[in-house]
C-alpha atoms as a PDB file:
ATOM      1  CA  MET A   1     192.093-212.022 -67.790  1.00  0.00           C
ATOM      2  CA  GLU A   2     188.540-212.908 -66.696  1.00  0.00           C
ATOM      3  CA  PHE A   3     185.269-212.981 -68.591  1.00  0.00           C
ATOM      4  CA  ASP A   4     181.701-213.086 -67.352  1.00  0.00           C
ATOM      5  CA  TYR A   5     180.177-216.225 -68.893  1.00  0.00           C
ATOM      6  CA  ILE A   6     178.199-219.258 -67.864  1.00  0.00           C
ATOM      7  CA  HIS A   7     180.315-222.218 -66.788  1.00  0.00           C
ATOM      8  CA  ASP A   8     177.685-224.817 -65.956  1.00  0.00           C
ATOM      9  CA  PRO A   9     176.988-227.054 -68.980  1.00  0.00           C
ATOM     10  CA  GLN A  10     173.432-227.833 -67.942  1.00  0.00           C
ATOM     11  CA  GLU A  11     172.623-224.166 -67.583  1.00  0.00           C
ATOM     12  CA  ILE A  12     174.141-223.448 -70.974  1.00  0.00           C
ATOM     13  CA  GLU A  13     171.998-226.160 -72.509  1.00  0.00           C
ATOM     14  CA  ASN A  14     168.846-225.028 -70.715  1.00  0.00           C
ATOM     15  CA  GLN A  15     169.276-221.440 -71.801  1.00  0.00           C
ATOM     16  CA  SER A  16     170.153-222.445 -75.356  1.00  0.00           C
ATOM     17  CA  PHE A  17     166.971-224.422 -75.853  1.00  0.00           C
ATOM     18  CA  ARG A  18     164.842-221.779 -74.163  1.00  0.00           C
ATOM     19  CA  ILE A  19     166.181-219.222 -76.645  1.00  0.00           C
ATOM     20  CA  ILE A  20     165.688-221.636 -79.523  1.00  0.00           C
ATOM     21  CA  ARG A  21     162.027-222.113 -78.581  1.00  0.00           C
ATOM     22  CA  GLU A  22     161.580-218.337 -78.456  1.00  0.00           C
ATOM     23  CA  LEU A  23     163.201-217.714 -81.842  1.00  0.00           C
ATOM     24  CA  THR A  24     162.040-220.708 -83.849  1.00  0.00           C
ATOM     25  CA  ASP A  25     158.572-221.188 -85.336  1.00  0.00           C
ATOM     26  CA  LEU A  26     157.686-224.740 -84.269  1.00  0.00           C
ATOM     27  CA  SER A  27     154.021-224.516 -85.217  1.00  0.00           C
ATOM     28  CA  GLY A  28     152.611-227.339 -87.291  1.00  0.00           C
ATOM     29  CA  LEU A  29     155.222-229.810 -86.079  1.00  0.00           C
ATOM     30  CA  SER A  30     154.676-232.913 -83.979  1.00  0.00           C
ATOM     31  CA  ALA A  31     156.404-233.096 -80.615  1.00  0.00           C
ATOM     32  CA  THR A  32     159.083-235.372 -82.061  1.00  0.00           C
ATOM     33  CA  GLU A  33     159.607-233.166 -85.124  1.00  0.00           C
ATOM     34  CA  GLN A  34     160.027-230.179 -82.801  1.00  0.00           C
ATOM     35  CA  GLN A  35     162.813-231.999 -80.965  1.00  0.00           C
ATOM     36  CA  VAL A  36     164.636-232.710 -84.233  1.00  0.00           C
ATOM     37  CA  VAL A  37     164.222-229.144 -85.497  1.00  0.00           C
ATOM     38  CA  MET A  38     165.467-227.660 -82.234  1.00  0.00           C
ATOM     39  CA  ARG A  39     168.526-229.904 -82.276  1.00  0.00           C
ATOM     40  CA  LEU A  40     169.300-228.824 -85.854  1.00  0.00           C
ATOM     41  CA  VAL A  41     168.856-225.164 -84.961  1.00  0.00           C
ATOM     42  CA  HIS A  42     171.127-225.687 -81.953  1.00  0.00           C
ATOM     43  CA  THR A  43     173.752-227.236 -84.210  1.00  0.00           C
ATOM     44  CA  CYS A  44     173.894-224.456 -86.825  1.00  0.00           C
ATOM     45  CA  GLY A  45     172.772-221.461 -84.774  1.00  0.00           C
ATOM     46  CA  GLU A  46     170.154-220.485 -87.343  1.00  0.00           C
ATOM     47  CA  PRO A  47     166.473-220.540 -86.358  1.00  0.00           C
ATOM     48  CA  GLU A  48     165.663-219.733 -89.997  1.00  0.00           C
ATOM     49  CA  ILE A  49     166.759-223.216 -91.043  1.00  0.00           C
ATOM     50  CA  ARG A  50     163.434-224.494 -89.740  1.00  0.00           C
ATOM     51  CA  ASN A  51     161.863-223.452 -93.059  1.00  0.00           C
ATOM     52  CA  ASP A  52     164.231-225.761 -94.952  1.00  0.00           C
ATOM     53  CA  ILE A  53     163.745-228.841 -92.767  1.00  0.00           C
ATOM     54  CA  HIS A  54     161.358-231.395 -94.269  1.00  0.00           C
ATOM     55  CA  PHE A  55     159.854-234.606 -92.889  1.00  0.00           C
ATOM     56  CA  SER A  56     158.024-237.308 -94.790  1.00  0.00           C
ATOM     57  CA  PRO A  57     154.720-238.207 -93.078  1.00  0.00           C
ATOM     58  CA  ASN A  58     156.064-241.168 -91.013  1.00  0.00           C
ATOM     59  CA  ALA A  59     159.742-240.229 -90.844  1.00  0.00           C
ATOM     60  CA  CYS A  60     160.083-239.804 -87.088  1.00  0.00           C
ATOM     61  CA  ALA A  61     157.893-242.802 -86.266  1.00  0.00           C
ATOM     62  CA  ALA A  62     159.875-245.008 -88.650  1.00  0.00           C
ATOM     63  CA  GLY A  63     163.187-243.779 -87.287  1.00  0.00           C
ATOM     64  CA  LEU A  64     162.169-244.328 -83.667  1.00  0.00           C
ATOM     65  CA  ALA A  65     160.825-247.795 -84.411  1.00  0.00           C
ATOM     66  CA  ALA A  66     164.089-248.720 -86.101  1.00  0.00           C
ATOM     67  CA  LEU A  67     166.130-247.407 -83.178  1.00  0.00           C
ATOM     68  CA  LYS A  68     163.996-249.384 -80.717  1.00  0.00           C
ATOM     69  CA  ASN A  69     164.953-252.466 -82.738  1.00  0.00           C
ATOM     70  CA  ASN A  70     168.656-251.537 -82.457  1.00  0.00           C
ATOM     71  CA  ALA A  71     168.938-250.544 -86.098  1.00  0.00           C
ATOM     72  CA  SER A  72     172.354-250.071 -87.651  1.00  0.00           C
ATOM     73  CA  ILE A  73     173.327-246.645 -88.931  1.00  0.00           C
ATOM     74  CA  LEU A  74     174.891-246.295 -92.399  1.00  0.00           C
ATOM     75  CA  CYS A  75     176.964-243.105 -92.836  1.00  0.00           C
ATOM     76  CA  ASP A  76     178.387-241.606 -96.014  1.00  0.00           C
ATOM     77  CA  VAL A  77     181.503-240.142 -94.363  1.00  0.00           C
ATOM     78  CA  GLU A  78     183.580-240.606 -91.249  1.00  0.00           C
ATOM     79  CA  MET A  79     182.649-237.150 -89.926  1.00  0.00           C
ATOM     80  CA  VAL A  80     179.030-238.255 -89.684  1.00  0.00           C
ATOM     81  CA  ARG A  81     179.978-241.517 -88.000  1.00  0.00           C
ATOM     82  CA  HIS A  82     182.119-239.774 -85.403  1.00  0.00           C
ATOM     83  CA  GLY A  83     179.383-237.222 -84.753  1.00  0.00           C
ATOM     84  CA  ILE A  84     176.816-239.817 -83.680  1.00  0.00           C
ATOM     85  CA  ALA A  85     176.314-240.232 -79.925  1.00  0.00           C
ATOM     86  CA  ARG A  86     177.104-243.922 -79.607  1.00  0.00           C
ATOM     87  CA  ARG A  87     175.728-244.159 -76.088  1.00  0.00           C
ATOM     88  CA  PHE A  88     172.227-243.759 -77.518  1.00  0.00           C
ATOM     89  CA  ILE A  89     172.648-246.228 -80.409  1.00  0.00           C
ATOM     90  CA  GLY A  90     172.032-249.924 -79.900  1.00  0.00           C
ATOM     91  CA  GLY A  91     173.097-251.124 -83.344  1.00  0.00           C
ATOM     92  CA  GLU A  92     176.286-250.847 -85.331  1.00  0.00           C
ATOM     93  CA  ILE A  93     177.454-247.649 -87.038  1.00  0.00           C
ATOM     94  CA  PHE A  94     178.979-248.180 -90.471  1.00  0.00           C
ATOM     95  CA  CYS A  95     180.996-246.025 -92.849  1.00  0.00           C
ATOM     96  CA  HIS A  96     182.589-247.862 -95.767  1.00  0.00           C
ATOM     97  CA  LEU A  97     184.383-244.932 -97.390  1.00  0.00           C
ATOM     98  CA  LEU A  98     187.756-246.335 -96.294  1.00  0.00           C
ATOM     99  CA  THR A  99     186.908-250.012 -96.821  1.00  0.00           C
ATOM    100  CA  ALA A 100     189.490-251.917 -98.868  1.00  0.00           C
ATOM    101  CA  GLY A 101     188.736-251.845-102.573  1.00  0.00           C
ATOM    102  CA  VAL A 102     186.331-248.903-102.505  1.00  0.00           C
ATOM    103  CA  ALA A 103     188.832-246.302-103.725  1.00  0.00           C
ATOM    104  CA  GLU A 104     190.059-248.610-106.480  1.00  0.00           C
ATOM    105  CA  ARG A 105     186.479-249.383-107.575  1.00  0.00           C
ATOM    106  CA  ALA A 106     185.644-245.666-107.692  1.00  0.00           C
ATOM    107  CA  LYS A 107     188.713-244.895-109.775  1.00  0.00           C
ATOM    108  CA  ALA A 108     188.008-247.703-112.217  1.00  0.00           C
ATOM    109  CA  SER A 109     184.415-246.604-112.728  1.00  0.00           C
ATOM    110  CA  GLY A 110     185.060-242.874-112.723  1.00  0.00           C
ATOM    111  CA  GLU A 111     182.713-242.157-109.826  1.00  0.00           C
ATOM    112  CA  THR A 112     183.059-240.761-106.330  1.00  0.00           C
ATOM    113  CA  ARG A 113     184.228-242.949-103.460  1.00  0.00           C
ATOM    114  CA  SER A 114     180.961-242.241-101.739  1.00  0.00           C
ATOM    115  CA  MET A 115     179.062-243.789-104.635  1.00  0.00           C
ATOM    116  CA  ALA A 116     181.353-246.823-104.738  1.00  0.00           C
ATOM    117  CA  ALA A 117     181.066-247.280-100.948  1.00  0.00           C
ATOM    118  CA  LEU A 118     177.294-247.757-101.211  1.00  0.00           C
ATOM    119  CA  GLU A 119     177.858-251.206-102.710  1.00  0.00           C
ATOM    120  CA  GLU A 120     179.057-252.199 -99.238  1.00  0.00           C
ATOM    121  CA  TRP A 121     175.694-251.081 -97.819  1.00  0.00           C
ATOM    122  CA  ARG A 122     173.567-253.613 -99.706  1.00  0.00           C
ATOM    123  CA  PRO A 123     173.567-256.328 -96.991  1.00  0.00           C
ATOM    124  CA  HIS A 124     172.736-253.718 -94.341  1.00  0.00           C
ATOM    125  CA  LEU A 125     170.055-251.542 -95.935  1.00  0.00           C
ATOM    126  CA  ALA A 126     166.859-253.349 -94.929  1.00  0.00           C
ATOM    127  CA  GLY A 127     165.215-251.764 -91.907  1.00  0.00           C
ATOM    128  CA  ASN A 128     168.234-249.687 -90.953  1.00  0.00           C
ATOM    129  CA  ILE A 129     168.902-245.927 -91.045  1.00  0.00           C
ATOM    130  CA  VAL A 130     170.907-244.075 -93.700  1.00  0.00           C
ATOM    131  CA  VAL A 131     172.585-240.801 -92.707  1.00  0.00           C
ATOM    132  CA  ILE A 132     174.087-238.759 -95.527  1.00  0.00           C
ATOM    133  CA  GLY A 133     175.723-235.493 -94.500  1.00  0.00           C
ATOM    134  CA  ASN A 134     178.320-234.802 -97.164  1.00  0.00           C
ATOM    135  CA  ALA A 135     178.003-236.419-100.565  1.00  0.00           C
ATOM    136  CA  PRO A 136     175.116-235.644-102.930  1.00  0.00           C
ATOM    137  CA  THR A 137     176.360-238.479-105.137  1.00  0.00           C
ATOM    138  CA  ALA A 138     175.733-240.931-102.302  1.00  0.00           C
ATOM    139  CA  LEU A 139     172.112-239.808-102.014  1.00  0.00           C
ATOM    140  CA  PHE A 140     171.573-239.998-105.759  1.00  0.00           C
ATOM    141  CA  ARG A 141     173.127-243.516-105.848  1.00  0.00           C
ATOM    142  CA  LEU A 142     170.949-244.661-102.943  1.00  0.00           C
ATOM    143  CA  LEU A 143     167.818-243.627-104.826  1.00  0.00           C
ATOM    144  CA  GLU A 144     169.058-245.425-107.936  1.00  0.00           C
ATOM    145  CA  MET A 145     169.787-248.577-105.920  1.00  0.00           C
ATOM    146  CA  VAL A 146     166.376-248.647-104.266  1.00  0.00           C
ATOM    147  CA  HIS A 147     164.678-248.006-107.608  1.00  0.00           C
ATOM    148  CA  ALA A 148     166.607-250.954-109.040  1.00  0.00           C
ATOM    149  CA  GLY A 149     165.408-253.265-106.277  1.00  0.00           C
ATOM    150  CA  ALA A 150     167.782-252.830-103.354  1.00  0.00           C
ATOM    151  CA  ALA A 151     166.321-253.242 -99.867  1.00  0.00           C
ATOM    152  CA  LYS A 152     164.704-250.167 -98.341  1.00  0.00           C
ATOM    153  CA  PRO A 153     166.132-248.484 -95.242  1.00  0.00           C
ATOM    154  CA  ALA A 154     163.681-247.529 -92.478  1.00  0.00           C
ATOM    155  CA  LEU A 155     164.697-243.865 -92.729  1.00  0.00           C
ATOM    156  CA  VAL A 156     166.932-241.687 -94.869  1.00  0.00           C
ATOM    157  CA  ILE A 157     168.459-238.614 -93.263  1.00  0.00           C
ATOM    158  CA  GLY A 158     169.506-236.695 -96.377  1.00  0.00           C
ATOM    159  CA  MET A 159     171.568-233.619 -95.628  1.00  0.00           C
ATOM    160  CA  PRO A 160     174.432-233.438 -98.131  1.00  0.00           C
ATOM    161  CA  VAL A 161     176.016-229.994 -98.424  1.00  0.00           C
ATOM    162  CA  GLY A 162     177.491-228.093-101.330  1.00  0.00           C
ATOM    163  CA  PHE A 163     177.050-226.224-104.570  1.00  0.00           C
ATOM    164  CA  VAL A 164     177.041-229.095-107.071  1.00  0.00           C
ATOM    165  CA  GLY A 165     174.200-231.593-106.736  1.00  0.00           C
ATOM    166  CA  ALA A 166     173.380-231.057-103.084  1.00  0.00           C
ATOM    167  CA  ALA A 167     170.069-229.238-103.504  1.00  0.00           C
ATOM    168  CA  GLU A 168     169.171-231.403-106.501  1.00  0.00           C
ATOM    169  CA  SER A 169     169.804-234.658-104.650  1.00  0.00           C
ATOM    170  CA  LYS A 170     167.522-233.653-101.792  1.00  0.00           C
ATOM    171  CA  ASP A 171     164.870-232.464-104.221  1.00  0.00           C
ATOM    172  CA  ALA A 172     165.078-235.901-105.845  1.00  0.00           C
ATOM    173  CA  LEU A 173     164.655-237.598-102.474  1.00  0.00           C
ATOM    174  CA  MET A 174     161.562-235.599-101.648  1.00  0.00           C
ATOM    175  CA  GLN A 175     160.103-236.011-105.157  1.00  0.00           C
ATOM    176  CA  HIS A 176     160.588-239.794-105.388  1.00  0.00           C
ATOM    177  CA  ALA A 177     160.339-240.942-101.767  1.00  0.00           C
ATOM    178  CA  LYS A 178     156.701-241.914-101.957  1.00  0.00           C
ATOM    179  CA  GLU A 179     157.071-244.060-105.069  1.00  0.00           C
ATOM    180  CA  LEU A 180     160.232-245.688-103.662  1.00  0.00           C
ATOM    181  CA  GLY A 181     158.643-246.304-100.270  1.00  0.00           C
ATOM    182  CA  LEU A 182     161.162-244.205 -98.356  1.00  0.00           C
ATOM    183  CA  GLU A 183     160.776-242.066 -95.280  1.00  0.00           C
ATOM    184  CA  TYR A 184     163.098-239.046 -94.973  1.00  0.00           C
ATOM    185  CA  ILE A 185     164.291-236.081 -92.981  1.00  0.00           C
ATOM    186  CA  CYS A 186     166.182-233.559 -95.090  1.00  0.00           C
ATOM    187  CA  VAL A 187     167.378-229.961 -95.242  1.00  0.00           C
ATOM    188  CA  SER A 188     166.587-228.532 -98.656  1.00  0.00           C
ATOM    189  CA  GLY A 189     168.905-226.284-100.618  1.00  0.00           C
ATOM    190  CA  ARG A 190     172.696-226.088-100.440  1.00  0.00           C
ATOM    191  CA  ARG A 191     172.872-226.232 -96.646  1.00  0.00           C
ATOM    192  CA  GLY A 192     173.564-229.442 -94.834  1.00  0.00           C
ATOM    193  CA  GLY A 193     176.706-231.151 -93.631  1.00  0.00           C
ATOM    194  CA  SER A 194     177.974-233.827 -91.295  1.00  0.00           C
ATOM    195  CA  ALA A 195     177.141-231.968 -88.107  1.00  0.00           C
ATOM    196  CA  LEU A 196     173.493-231.425 -89.090  1.00  0.00           C
ATOM    197  CA  ALA A 197     173.086-234.994 -90.271  1.00  0.00           C
ATOM    198  CA  ALA A 198     174.551-236.387 -87.066  1.00  0.00           C
ATOM    199  CA  ALA A 199     172.386-233.992 -85.025  1.00  0.00           C
ATOM    200  CA  ALA A 200     169.245-235.352 -86.664  1.00  0.00           C
ATOM    201  CA  ILE A 201     169.940-238.970 -85.814  1.00  0.00           C
ATOM    202  CA  ASN A 202     171.156-237.959 -82.351  1.00  0.00           C
ATOM    203  CA  ALA A 203     167.862-236.162 -81.725  1.00  0.00           C
ATOM    204  CA  LEU A 204     165.888-239.276 -82.558  1.00  0.00           C
ATOM    205  CA  ALA A 205     168.248-241.452 -80.520  1.00  0.00           C
ATOM    206  CA  ARG A 206     167.863-239.190 -77.502  1.00  0.00           C
ATOM    207  CA  ILE A 207     164.065-239.250 -77.818  1.00  0.00           C
ATOM    208  CA  ASN A 208     164.268-243.044 -77.962  1.00  0.00           C
ATOM    209  CA  HIS A 209     166.016-242.897 -74.557  1.00  0.00           C
ATOM    210  CA  GLY A 210     163.556-240.419 -73.123  1.00  0.00           C
ATOM    211  CA  VAL A 211     165.893-237.405 -73.332  1.00  0.00           C
ATOM    212  CA  THR A 212     164.044-234.319 -74.563  1.00  0.00           C
ATOM    213  CA  PHE A 213     164.112-230.555 -74.146  1.00  0.00           C
END
């Protein structure tokens, strides 16, 4: 059995991003924002997602500056952590969902493990990058923590997915980011997920290393 298909990975990538540029409205975006949007479109196969991708005014600049300073990456779930291209990241990549005591603390307080895990983030928040691709409760808790005086991350990539709280958590991020002093990249609505969240930070990390399409 033989099929006629492209074997060369570079050619596949080149054709993919040529098609993405043809099908995606990139008008009104900076060069860096275009790179992030194209990477997200490439990840989900939906050019229409461009309309749901939102950037705060200095999101990309803040993210790139943090990466240049070897910022750490704080992930809500292991799938996000494993999706990040480590070769482009100079700092550490953390996920505390499985850290000892987190599950017990969540059970005792009647909250999600993702919420409980954010307590482990406190020493690492300042100037680093938060990537949330699964748990709306983690994004809500982050906003509560910053409002209560926790250190501010350089950038929040907020892309939790789901039917309960996902859209609302991202709406809350966009509504309160300015007053909280946060920069963000998010996908509004129910869509999101670990692959998209990892793709967003990977796009910035690639740009930081001079890799663009």
